[in-house]
PDB file of N, CA and C in Angstrom:
ATOM      1  N   MET A   1      -9.133 -14.178   0.715  1.00  0.00           N
ATOM      2  CA  MET A   1      -8.360 -13.389   1.472  1.00  0.00           C
ATOM      3  C   MET A   1      -9.288 -12.094   2.234  1.00  0.00           C
ATOM      4  N   ASN A   2      -8.638 -12.054   3.497  1.00  0.00           N
ATOM      5  CA  ASN A   2      -9.752 -10.780   4.521  1.00  0.00           C
ATOM      6  C   ASN A   2      -9.571  -9.393   3.749  1.00  0.00           C
ATOM      7  N   GLN A   3     -10.781  -8.948   3.748  1.00  0.00           N
ATOM      8  CA  GLN A   3     -10.908  -7.602   3.340  1.00  0.00           C
ATOM      9  C   GLN A   3     -10.837  -6.768   4.606  1.00  0.00           C
ATOM     10  N   TYR A   4     -10.158  -5.662   4.395  1.00  0.00           N
ATOM     11  CA  TYR A   4     -10.128  -4.421   5.187  1.00  0.00           C
ATOM     12  C   TYR A   4     -10.515  -3.083   4.723  1.00  0.00           C
ATOM     13  N   ASP A   5     -10.816  -2.770   5.811  1.00  0.00           N
ATOM     14  CA  ASP A   5     -11.312  -1.268   5.555  1.00  0.00           C
ATOM     15  C   ASP A   5     -10.429  -0.100   5.644  1.00  0.00           C
ATOM     16  N   PHE A   6      -9.538   0.466   5.062  1.00  0.00           N
ATOM     17  CA  PHE A   6      -8.618   1.584   5.150  1.00  0.00           C
ATOM     18  C   PHE A   6      -9.139   2.697   5.119  1.00  0.00           C
ATOM     19  N   ALA A   7     -10.206   2.781   4.966  1.00  0.00           N
ATOM     20  CA  ALA A   7     -10.911   4.431   5.006  1.00  0.00           C
ATOM     21  C   ALA A   7     -10.519   4.895   6.492  1.00  0.00           C
ATOM     22  N   GLN A   8      -9.786   6.162   6.081  1.00  0.00           N
ATOM     23  CA  GLN A   8      -9.586   6.853   7.441  1.00  0.00           C
ATOM     24  C   GLN A   8      -8.113   6.448   8.016  1.00  0.00           C
ATOM     25  N   ARG A   9      -7.372   5.590   7.235  1.00  0.00           N
ATOM     26  CA  ARG A   9      -6.238   4.849   7.752  1.00  0.00           C
ATOM     27  C   ARG A   9      -4.864   5.427   6.947  1.00  0.00           C
ATOM     28  N   ALA A  10      -3.726   5.083   7.691  1.00  0.00           N
ATOM     29  CA  ALA A  10      -2.760   5.494   6.746  1.00  0.00           C
ATOM     30  C   ALA A  10      -1.567   4.520   7.185  1.00  0.00           C
ATOM     31  N   ALA A  11      -0.929   4.013   5.777  1.00  0.00           N
ATOM     32  CA  ALA A  11      -0.016   2.868   5.924  1.00  0.00           C
ATOM     33  C   ALA A  11       0.874   3.558   5.570  1.00  0.00           C
ATOM     34  N   VAL A  12       2.312   2.668   6.048  1.00  0.00           N
ATOM     35  CA  VAL A  12       3.728   2.981   5.833  1.00  0.00           C
ATOM     36  C   VAL A  12       4.579   1.644   5.362  1.00  0.00           C
ATOM     37  N   VAL A  13       4.620   1.377   4.067  1.00  0.00           N
ATOM     38  CA  VAL A  13       5.334  -0.054   3.813  1.00  0.00           C
ATOM     39  C   VAL A  13       6.680   0.448   2.956  1.00  0.00           C
ATOM     40  N   THR A  14       7.520  -0.290   4.088  1.00  0.00           N
ATOM     41  CA  THR A  14       8.802  -0.710   3.775  1.00  0.00           C
ATOM     42  C   THR A  14       9.441  -1.801   2.932  1.00  0.00           C
ATOM     43  N   GLY A  15      10.400  -1.639   1.812  1.00  0.00           N
ATOM     44  CA  GLY A  15      10.712  -2.844   1.363  1.00  0.00           C
ATOM     45  C   GLY A  15       9.576  -3.583   0.096  1.00  0.00           C
ATOM     46  N   GLY A  16       8.774  -2.105  -0.527  1.00  0.00           N
ATOM     47  CA  GLY A  16       8.005  -2.391  -1.299  1.00  0.00           C
ATOM     48  C   GLY A  16       8.581  -2.527  -2.341  1.00  0.00           C
ATOM     49  N   ALA A  17       9.666  -2.575  -3.034  1.00  0.00           N
ATOM     50  CA  ALA A  17      10.428  -2.664  -4.411  1.00  0.00           C
ATOM     51  C   ALA A  17      10.023  -3.839  -5.272  1.00  0.00           C
ATOM     52  N   GLN A  18      10.101  -5.222  -4.225  1.00  0.00           N
ATOM     53  CA  GLN A  18      10.050  -6.383  -4.934  1.00  0.00           C
ATOM     54  C   GLN A  18       9.161  -7.196  -4.211  1.00  0.00           C
ATOM     55  N   GLY A  19       8.949  -8.366  -4.061  1.00  0.00           N
ATOM     56  CA  GLY A  19       8.103  -9.523  -3.539  1.00  0.00           C
ATOM     57  C   GLY A  19       7.158  -9.248  -2.887  1.00  0.00           C
ATOM     58  N   ILE A  20       7.087  -9.452  -1.339  1.00  0.00           N
ATOM     59  CA  ILE A  20       5.729  -9.320  -0.551  1.00  0.00           C
ATOM     60  C   ILE A  20       5.481  -7.784  -0.164  1.00  0.00           C
ATOM     61  N   GLY A  21       6.743  -7.270  -0.213  1.00  0.00           N
ATOM     62  CA  GLY A  21       6.408  -5.441  -0.009  1.00  0.00           C
ATOM     63  C   GLY A  21       5.660  -5.093  -1.052  1.00  0.00           C
ATOM     64  N   TYR A  22       6.200  -5.340  -2.363  1.00  0.00           N
ATOM     65  CA  TYR A  22       5.518  -4.659  -3.184  1.00  0.00           C
ATOM     66  C   TYR A  22       3.920  -5.509  -3.510  1.00  0.00           C
ATOM     67  N   ALA A  23       3.839  -6.489  -3.222  1.00  0.00           N
ATOM     68  CA  ALA A  23       2.307  -6.814  -3.317  1.00  0.00           C
ATOM     69  C   ALA A  23       1.758  -6.031  -2.052  1.00  0.00           C
ATOM     70  N   VAL A  24       2.108  -5.795  -0.973  1.00  0.00           N
ATOM     71  CA  VAL A  24       1.317  -5.582   0.041  1.00  0.00           C
ATOM     72  C   VAL A  24       1.351  -3.657  -0.359  1.00  0.00           C
ATOM     73  N   ALA A  25       2.014  -3.191  -0.863  1.00  0.00           N
ATOM     74  CA  ALA A  25       1.949  -1.753  -1.006  1.00  0.00           C
ATOM     75  C   ALA A  25       0.982  -1.712  -2.645  1.00  0.00           C
ATOM     76  N   GLU A  26       1.309  -2.542  -3.385  1.00  0.00           N
ATOM     77  CA  GLU A  26       0.014  -2.478  -4.730  1.00  0.00           C
ATOM     78  C   GLU A  26      -1.127  -2.698  -4.375  1.00  0.00           C
ATOM     79  N   ARG A  27      -1.596  -3.491  -3.046  1.00  0.00           N
ATOM     80  CA  ARG A  27      -2.776  -3.998  -2.757  1.00  0.00           C
ATOM     81  C   ARG A  27      -3.063  -2.591  -1.848  1.00  0.00           C
ATOM     82  N   GLY A  28      -2.112  -2.251  -1.081  1.00  0.00           N
ATOM     83  CA  GLY A  28      -2.772  -1.074  -0.457  1.00  0.00           C
ATOM     84  C   GLY A  28      -3.183   0.504  -1.080  1.00  0.00           C
ATOM     85  N   VAL A  29      -2.800   0.613  -2.059  1.00  0.00           N
ATOM     86  CA  VAL A  29      -2.983   1.818  -3.244  1.00  0.00           C
ATOM     87  C   VAL A  29      -3.886   1.396  -3.685  1.00  0.00           C
ATOM     88  N   ARG A  30      -4.588   0.059  -3.927  1.00  0.00           N
ATOM     89  CA  ARG A  30      -6.137  -0.182  -4.903  1.00  0.00           C
ATOM     90  C   ARG A  30      -6.955  -0.123  -4.019  1.00  0.00           C
ATOM     91  N   SER A  31      -6.582  -0.264  -2.689  1.00  0.00           N
ATOM     92  CA  SER A  31      -7.752  -0.427  -1.549  1.00  0.00           C
ATOM     93  C   SER A  31      -8.048   0.859  -1.008  1.00  0.00           C
ATOM     94  N   VAL A  32      -7.745   2.096  -1.293  1.00  0.00           N
ATOM     95  CA  VAL A  32      -8.196   3.474  -1.163  1.00  0.00           C
ATOM     96  C   VAL A  32      -8.554   4.147  -2.044  1.00  0.00           C
ATOM     97  N   ARG A  33      -9.481   5.065  -2.299  1.00  0.00           N
ATOM     98  CA  ARG A  33      -9.868   5.982  -3.147  1.00  0.00           C
ATOM     99  C   ARG A  33      -8.790   6.760  -3.395  1.00  0.00           C
ATOM    100  N   ARG A  34      -8.179   7.311  -2.791  1.00  0.00           N
ATOM    101  CA  ARG A  34      -7.517   8.739  -3.395  1.00  0.00           C
ATOM    102  C   ARG A  34      -5.526   8.134  -2.729  1.00  0.00           C
ATOM    103  N   PRO A  35      -5.029   7.216  -3.137  1.00  0.00           N
ATOM    104  CA  PRO A  35      -3.593   7.283  -2.438  1.00  0.00           C
ATOM    105  C   PRO A  35      -2.783   8.346  -2.375  1.00  0.00           C
ATOM    106  N   ARG A  36      -2.486   8.752  -1.076  1.00  0.00           N
ATOM    107  CA  ARG A  36      -1.907  10.081  -0.852  1.00  0.00           C
ATOM    108  C   ARG A  36      -0.163  10.369  -1.319  1.00  0.00           C
ATOM    109  N   HIS A  37       0.277   9.568  -0.989  1.00  0.00           N
ATOM    110  CA  HIS A  37       1.833   9.635  -1.398  1.00  0.00           C
ATOM    111  C   HIS A  37       2.566   7.858  -1.901  1.00  0.00           C
ATOM    112  N   VAL A  38       3.304   8.171  -3.141  1.00  0.00           N
ATOM    113  CA  VAL A  38       3.622   6.707  -3.333  1.00  0.00           C
ATOM    114  C   VAL A  38       5.365   7.469  -3.918  1.00  0.00           C
ATOM    115  N   LEU A  39       6.700   6.740  -3.152  1.00  0.00           N
ATOM    116  CA  LEU A  39       7.406   6.964  -3.034  1.00  0.00           C
ATOM    117  C   LEU A  39       8.617   5.866  -3.223  1.00  0.00           C
ATOM    118  N   SER A  40       9.555   5.933  -4.472  1.00  0.00           N
ATOM    119  CA  SER A  40      10.372   4.876  -4.635  1.00  0.00           C
ATOM    120  C   SER A  40      11.806   5.292  -4.440  1.00  0.00           C
ATOM    121  N   VAL A  41      12.635   5.111  -3.749  1.00  0.00           N
ATOM    122  CA  VAL A  41      14.202   5.819  -4.029  1.00  0.00           C
ATOM    123  C   VAL A  41      15.011   4.401  -4.122  1.00  0.00           C
ATOM    124  N   THR A  42      15.608   4.377  -5.147  1.00  0.00           N
ATOM    125  CA  THR A  42      16.252   3.317  -5.607  1.00  0.00           C
ATOM    126  C   THR A  42      17.507   3.821  -5.335  1.00  0.00           C
TER     127      THR A  42
END
């Protein structure tokens, strides 16, 4: 898998409740030193 440097970057992931969106959101949170906001609306 490609490795990206997310330092000094922001990302908005929609559809992160399950499936691919969830995997992308989880990977993004693990890729940064301090995640800013994680919001879940059901």
